[in-house]
Amino acid sequence: MVKHLTNTDDFSSLISENKILVDFYADWCGPCKMLAPVLDSITEIDVLKINVDEFPDLAAKYGVMSIPTLILFENGQETKKGIGFKNLDEIKKMIS
């Protein structure tokens, strides 16, 4: 299930759940738009989308310099990071 971050207060509780894939994106980003339907097809874990224009502090905290950036969190800890467009197979490999 894809969720969109609405406020920073929710972030800590959302990433503390078992496993969650966080997508740092922007509405104007072409590769981010291409990635959106791929993320919609992920059923194994929840996906949290964070707009870097709305939450620049979170992007900076996790070292997001390019978008899209995907970060896998497990029990609140960053475990894997991928930068740029990823196809479904690459994402499934990342989250397994």
N, C-alpha and C. Protein backbone atom coordinates (compact mmCIF):
# COMPACT_ATOMS: atom_id res chain seq x y z
N MET A 1 0.84 -1.18 0.00
CA MET A 1 0.00 0.00 0.00
C MET A 1 0.88 1.24 0.00
N VAL A 2 0.55 2.20 -0.86
CA VAL A 2 1.32 3.44 -0.96
C VAL A 2 0.66 4.52 -0.11
N LYS A 3 1.46 5.13 0.76
CA LYS A 3 1.00 6.23 1.61
C LYS A 3 1.83 7.46 1.28
N HIS A 4 1.23 8.63 1.48
CA HIS A 4 1.96 9.89 1.30
C HIS A 4 2.15 10.53 2.66
N LEU A 5 3.36 10.96 2.95
CA LEU A 5 3.63 11.62 4.23
C LEU A 5 2.93 12.98 4.24
N THR A 6 2.18 13.23 5.31
CA THR A 6 1.45 14.50 5.42
C THR A 6 2.07 15.42 6.46
N ASN A 7 2.77 14.85 7.44
CA ASN A 7 3.50 15.70 8.38
C ASN A 7 4.64 14.91 9.00
N THR A 8 5.66 15.63 9.43
CA THR A 8 6.88 14.97 9.92
C THR A 8 6.64 14.20 11.21
N ASP A 9 5.60 14.55 11.94
CA ASP A 9 5.31 13.84 13.18
C ASP A 9 5.00 12.36 12.93
N ASP A 10 4.40 12.08 11.79
CA ASP A 10 4.04 10.69 11.45
C ASP A 10 5.25 9.86 11.02
N PHE A 11 6.32 10.51 10.58
CA PHE A 11 7.43 9.78 9.96
C PHE A 11 8.03 8.73 10.87
N SER A 12 8.38 9.10 12.10
CA SER A 12 9.03 8.15 13.01
C SER A 12 8.17 6.93 13.27
N SER A 13 6.87 7.14 13.47
CA SER A 13 6.01 5.98 13.74
C SER A 13 5.85 5.11 12.50
N LEU A 14 5.81 5.72 11.31
CA LEU A 14 5.65 4.94 10.08
C LEU A 14 6.88 4.08 9.79
N ILE A 15 8.07 4.64 10.01
CA ILE A 15 9.27 3.83 9.71
C ILE A 15 9.60 2.84 10.81
N SER A 16 8.98 2.99 11.96
CA SER A 16 9.26 2.03 13.04
C SER A 16 8.50 0.72 12.85
N GLU A 17 7.53 0.71 11.91
CA GLU A 17 6.84 -0.53 11.59
C GLU A 17 7.86 -1.48 10.96
N ASN A 18 7.53 -2.75 10.90
CA ASN A 18 8.46 -3.79 10.43
C ASN A 18 9.38 -3.34 9.30
N LYS A 19 8.87 -3.34 8.09
CA LYS A 19 9.64 -2.98 6.91
C LYS A 19 8.82 -1.98 6.11
N ILE A 20 9.45 -0.92 5.68
CA ILE A 20 8.76 0.06 4.83
C ILE A 20 9.75 0.64 3.84
N LEU A 21 9.29 0.82 2.61
CA LEU A 21 10.12 1.40 1.57
C LEU A 21 9.72 2.86 1.43
N VAL A 22 10.69 3.75 1.58
CA VAL A 22 10.43 5.19 1.50
C VAL A 22 10.94 5.71 0.16
N ASP A 23 10.06 6.41 -0.54
CA ASP A 23 10.38 7.00 -1.84
C ASP A 23 10.46 8.51 -1.68
N PHE A 24 11.67 9.07 -1.80
CA PHE A 24 11.86 10.52 -1.81
C PHE A 24 11.72 10.97 -3.26
N TYR A 25 10.76 11.85 -3.52
CA TYR A 25 10.43 12.23 -4.89
C TYR A 25 10.05 13.71 -4.95
N ALA A 26 9.80 14.19 -6.18
CA ALA A 26 9.22 15.52 -6.39
C ALA A 26 8.25 15.42 -7.56
N ASP A 27 7.22 16.26 -7.53
CA ASP A 27 6.20 16.22 -8.58
C ASP A 27 6.76 16.56 -9.96
N TRP A 28 7.81 17.36 -10.03
CA TRP A 28 8.37 17.81 -11.30
C TRP A 28 9.41 16.84 -11.87
N CYS A 29 9.72 15.79 -11.14
CA CYS A 29 10.80 14.86 -11.51
C CYS A 29 10.30 13.77 -12.47
N GLY A 30 10.87 13.74 -13.67
CA GLY A 30 10.47 12.75 -14.68
C GLY A 30 10.66 11.31 -14.23
N PRO A 31 11.88 10.93 -13.79
CA PRO A 31 12.08 9.55 -13.33
C PRO A 31 11.18 9.18 -12.15
N CYS A 32 10.83 10.17 -11.31
CA CYS A 32 9.93 9.91 -10.18
C CYS A 32 8.54 9.53 -10.70
N LYS A 33 8.10 10.23 -11.75
CA LYS A 33 6.80 9.93 -12.36
C LYS A 33 6.80 8.54 -12.98
N MET A 34 7.92 8.14 -13.57
CA MET A 34 8.03 6.80 -14.16
C MET A 34 8.02 5.73 -13.07
N LEU A 35 8.57 6.06 -11.90
CA LEU A 35 8.67 5.10 -10.80
C LEU A 35 7.33 4.88 -10.10
N ALA A 36 6.45 5.88 -10.11
CA ALA A 36 5.19 5.82 -9.37
C ALA A 36 4.36 4.57 -9.67
N PRO A 37 4.10 4.22 -10.93
CA PRO A 37 3.30 3.01 -11.17
C PRO A 37 4.00 1.72 -10.75
N VAL A 38 5.32 1.72 -10.78
CA VAL A 38 6.08 0.55 -10.32
C VAL A 38 5.86 0.38 -8.82
N LEU A 39 5.94 1.47 -8.08
CA LEU A 39 5.73 1.41 -6.63
C LEU A 39 4.29 1.02 -6.29
N ASP A 40 3.34 1.47 -7.11
CA ASP A 40 1.93 1.11 -6.90
C ASP A 40 1.72 -0.39 -6.99
N SER A 41 2.57 -1.08 -7.73
CA SER A 41 2.41 -2.53 -7.91
C SER A 41 3.08 -3.35 -6.81
N ILE A 42 3.81 -2.69 -5.90
CA ILE A 42 4.47 -3.40 -4.79
C ILE A 42 3.41 -3.80 -3.76
N THR A 43 3.34 -5.09 -3.48
CA THR A 43 2.36 -5.58 -2.50
C THR A 43 3.02 -6.20 -1.28
N GLU A 44 4.32 -6.45 -1.36
CA GLU A 44 5.03 -7.13 -0.27
C GLU A 44 5.15 -6.28 0.99
N ILE A 45 5.36 -4.99 0.80
CA ILE A 45 5.52 -4.07 1.94
C ILE A 45 4.85 -2.75 1.62
N ASP A 46 4.67 -1.92 2.66
CA ASP A 46 4.12 -0.59 2.45
C ASP A 46 5.19 0.32 1.85
N VAL A 47 4.72 1.29 1.08
CA VAL A 47 5.59 2.29 0.47
C VAL A 47 5.14 3.66 1.00
N LEU A 48 6.10 4.44 1.46
CA LEU A 48 5.83 5.78 1.95
C LEU A 48 6.48 6.78 1.01
N LYS A 49 5.68 7.64 0.41
CA LYS A 49 6.21 8.65 -0.51
C LYS A 49 6.40 9.96 0.24
N ILE A 50 7.59 10.55 0.06
CA ILE A 50 7.90 11.82 0.71
C ILE A 50 8.34 12.82 -0.36
N ASN A 51 7.57 13.89 -0.48
CA ASN A 51 7.88 14.95 -1.44
C ASN A 51 9.01 15.80 -0.86
N VAL A 52 10.14 15.82 -1.56
CA VAL A 52 11.32 16.54 -1.04
C VAL A 52 11.10 18.06 -1.01
N ASP A 53 10.19 18.56 -1.83
CA ASP A 53 9.90 19.99 -1.81
C ASP A 53 9.09 20.36 -0.57
N GLU A 54 8.28 19.44 -0.06
CA GLU A 54 7.48 19.69 1.13
C GLU A 54 8.23 19.36 2.42
N PHE A 55 9.17 18.41 2.35
CA PHE A 55 9.90 17.97 3.54
C PHE A 55 11.42 17.95 3.29
N PRO A 56 11.99 19.13 3.01
CA PRO A 56 13.43 19.17 2.71
C PRO A 56 14.31 18.74 3.89
N ASP A 57 13.84 18.95 5.11
CA ASP A 57 14.64 18.56 6.28
C ASP A 57 14.80 17.05 6.36
N LEU A 58 13.74 16.30 6.04
CA LEU A 58 13.84 14.83 6.05
C LEU A 58 14.78 14.36 4.95
N ALA A 59 14.66 14.98 3.78
CA ALA A 59 15.55 14.61 2.67
C ALA A 59 17.01 14.84 3.07
N ALA A 60 17.28 15.97 3.68
CA ALA A 60 18.65 16.28 4.10
C ALA A 60 19.12 15.31 5.18
N LYS A 61 18.24 14.98 6.12
CA LYS A 61 18.60 14.07 7.22
C LYS A 61 19.07 12.72 6.70
N TYR A 62 18.47 12.25 5.60
CA TYR A 62 18.82 10.94 5.06
C TYR A 62 19.73 11.03 3.83
N GLY A 63 20.34 12.19 3.64
CA GLY A 63 21.36 12.34 2.60
C GLY A 63 20.83 12.23 1.18
N VAL A 64 19.59 12.63 0.97
CA VAL A 64 19.00 12.56 -0.37
C VAL A 64 19.53 13.73 -1.19
N MET A 65 20.36 13.40 -2.19
CA MET A 65 20.95 14.43 -3.05
C MET A 65 20.35 14.37 -4.45
N SER A 66 19.83 13.21 -4.83
CA SER A 66 19.23 13.00 -6.14
C SER A 66 17.90 12.29 -5.92
N ILE A 67 16.97 12.55 -6.83
CA ILE A 67 15.68 11.87 -6.73
C ILE A 67 15.38 11.18 -8.05
N PRO A 68 14.64 10.10 -8.03
CA PRO A 68 14.11 9.45 -6.84
C PRO A 68 15.19 8.72 -6.04
N THR A 69 15.00 8.71 -4.73
CA THR A 69 15.83 7.91 -3.84
C THR A 69 14.91 7.01 -3.05
N LEU A 70 15.21 5.72 -3.07
CA LEU A 70 14.44 4.74 -2.31
C LEU A 70 15.28 4.29 -1.13
N ILE A 71 14.68 4.31 0.07
CA ILE A 71 15.37 3.84 1.27
C ILE A 71 14.48 2.81 1.94
N LEU A 72 15.06 1.65 2.21
CA LEU A 72 14.35 0.60 2.92
C LEU A 72 14.66 0.74 4.41
N PHE A 73 13.61 0.82 5.21
CA PHE A 73 13.75 0.88 6.66
C PHE A 73 13.22 -0.41 7.25
N GLU A 74 13.95 -0.95 8.22
CA GLU A 74 13.49 -2.11 8.96
C GLU A 74 13.57 -1.77 10.43
N ASN A 75 12.41 -1.76 11.09
CA ASN A 75 12.32 -1.41 12.51
C ASN A 75 12.99 -0.08 12.82
N GLY A 76 12.76 0.91 11.95
CA GLY A 76 13.27 2.25 12.17
C GLY A 76 14.69 2.51 11.70
N GLN A 77 15.38 1.47 11.22
CA GLN A 77 16.77 1.62 10.79
C GLN A 77 16.88 1.54 9.27
N GLU A 78 17.66 2.44 8.68
CA GLU A 78 17.91 2.39 7.24
C GLU A 78 18.77 1.17 6.95
N THR A 79 18.29 0.31 6.04
CA THR A 79 19.05 -0.90 5.72
C THR A 79 19.57 -0.92 4.27
N LYS A 80 18.84 -0.28 3.36
CA LYS A 80 19.29 -0.25 1.95
C LYS A 80 18.86 1.06 1.33
N LYS A 81 19.64 1.50 0.33
CA LYS A 81 19.33 2.74 -0.37
C LYS A 81 19.58 2.54 -1.86
N GLY A 82 18.67 3.06 -2.67
CA GLY A 82 18.82 3.03 -4.12
C GLY A 82 18.51 4.39 -4.69
N ILE A 83 19.32 4.83 -5.64
CA ILE A 83 19.14 6.15 -6.24
C ILE A 83 18.82 6.01 -7.71
N GLY A 84 17.83 6.77 -8.17
CA GLY A 84 17.43 6.75 -9.57
C GLY A 84 16.30 5.75 -9.81
N PHE A 85 15.83 5.73 -11.04
CA PHE A 85 14.73 4.84 -11.40
C PHE A 85 15.14 3.38 -11.22
N LYS A 86 14.26 2.60 -10.65
CA LYS A 86 14.46 1.16 -10.49
C LYS A 86 13.25 0.45 -11.07
N ASN A 87 13.50 -0.66 -11.77
CA ASN A 87 12.36 -1.43 -12.28
C ASN A 87 11.84 -2.35 -11.17
N LEU A 88 10.74 -3.01 -11.45
CA LEU A 88 10.08 -3.84 -10.44
C LEU A 88 11.01 -4.93 -9.91
N ASP A 89 11.76 -5.58 -10.79
CA ASP A 89 12.67 -6.65 -10.34
C ASP A 89 13.74 -6.11 -9.40
N GLU A 90 14.29 -4.93 -9.72
CA GLU A 90 15.32 -4.34 -8.87
C GLU A 90 14.75 -3.98 -7.49
N ILE A 91 13.54 -3.47 -7.48
CA ILE A 91 12.92 -3.10 -6.20
C ILE A 91 12.61 -4.35 -5.39
N LYS A 92 12.10 -5.39 -6.03
CA LYS A 92 11.79 -6.63 -5.31
C LYS A 92 13.06 -7.24 -4.71
N LYS A 93 14.16 -7.14 -5.46
CA LYS A 93 15.45 -7.63 -4.93
C LYS A 93 15.89 -6.79 -3.73
N MET A 94 15.66 -5.50 -3.81
CA MET A 94 16.04 -4.59 -2.71
C MET A 94 15.25 -4.88 -1.45
N ILE A 95 13.97 -5.20 -1.57
CA ILE A 95 13.13 -5.38 -0.39
C ILE A 95 13.12 -6.81 0.15
N SER A 96 13.74 -7.73 -0.59
CA SER A 96 13.71 -9.13 -0.13
C SER A 96 14.83 -9.41 0.88
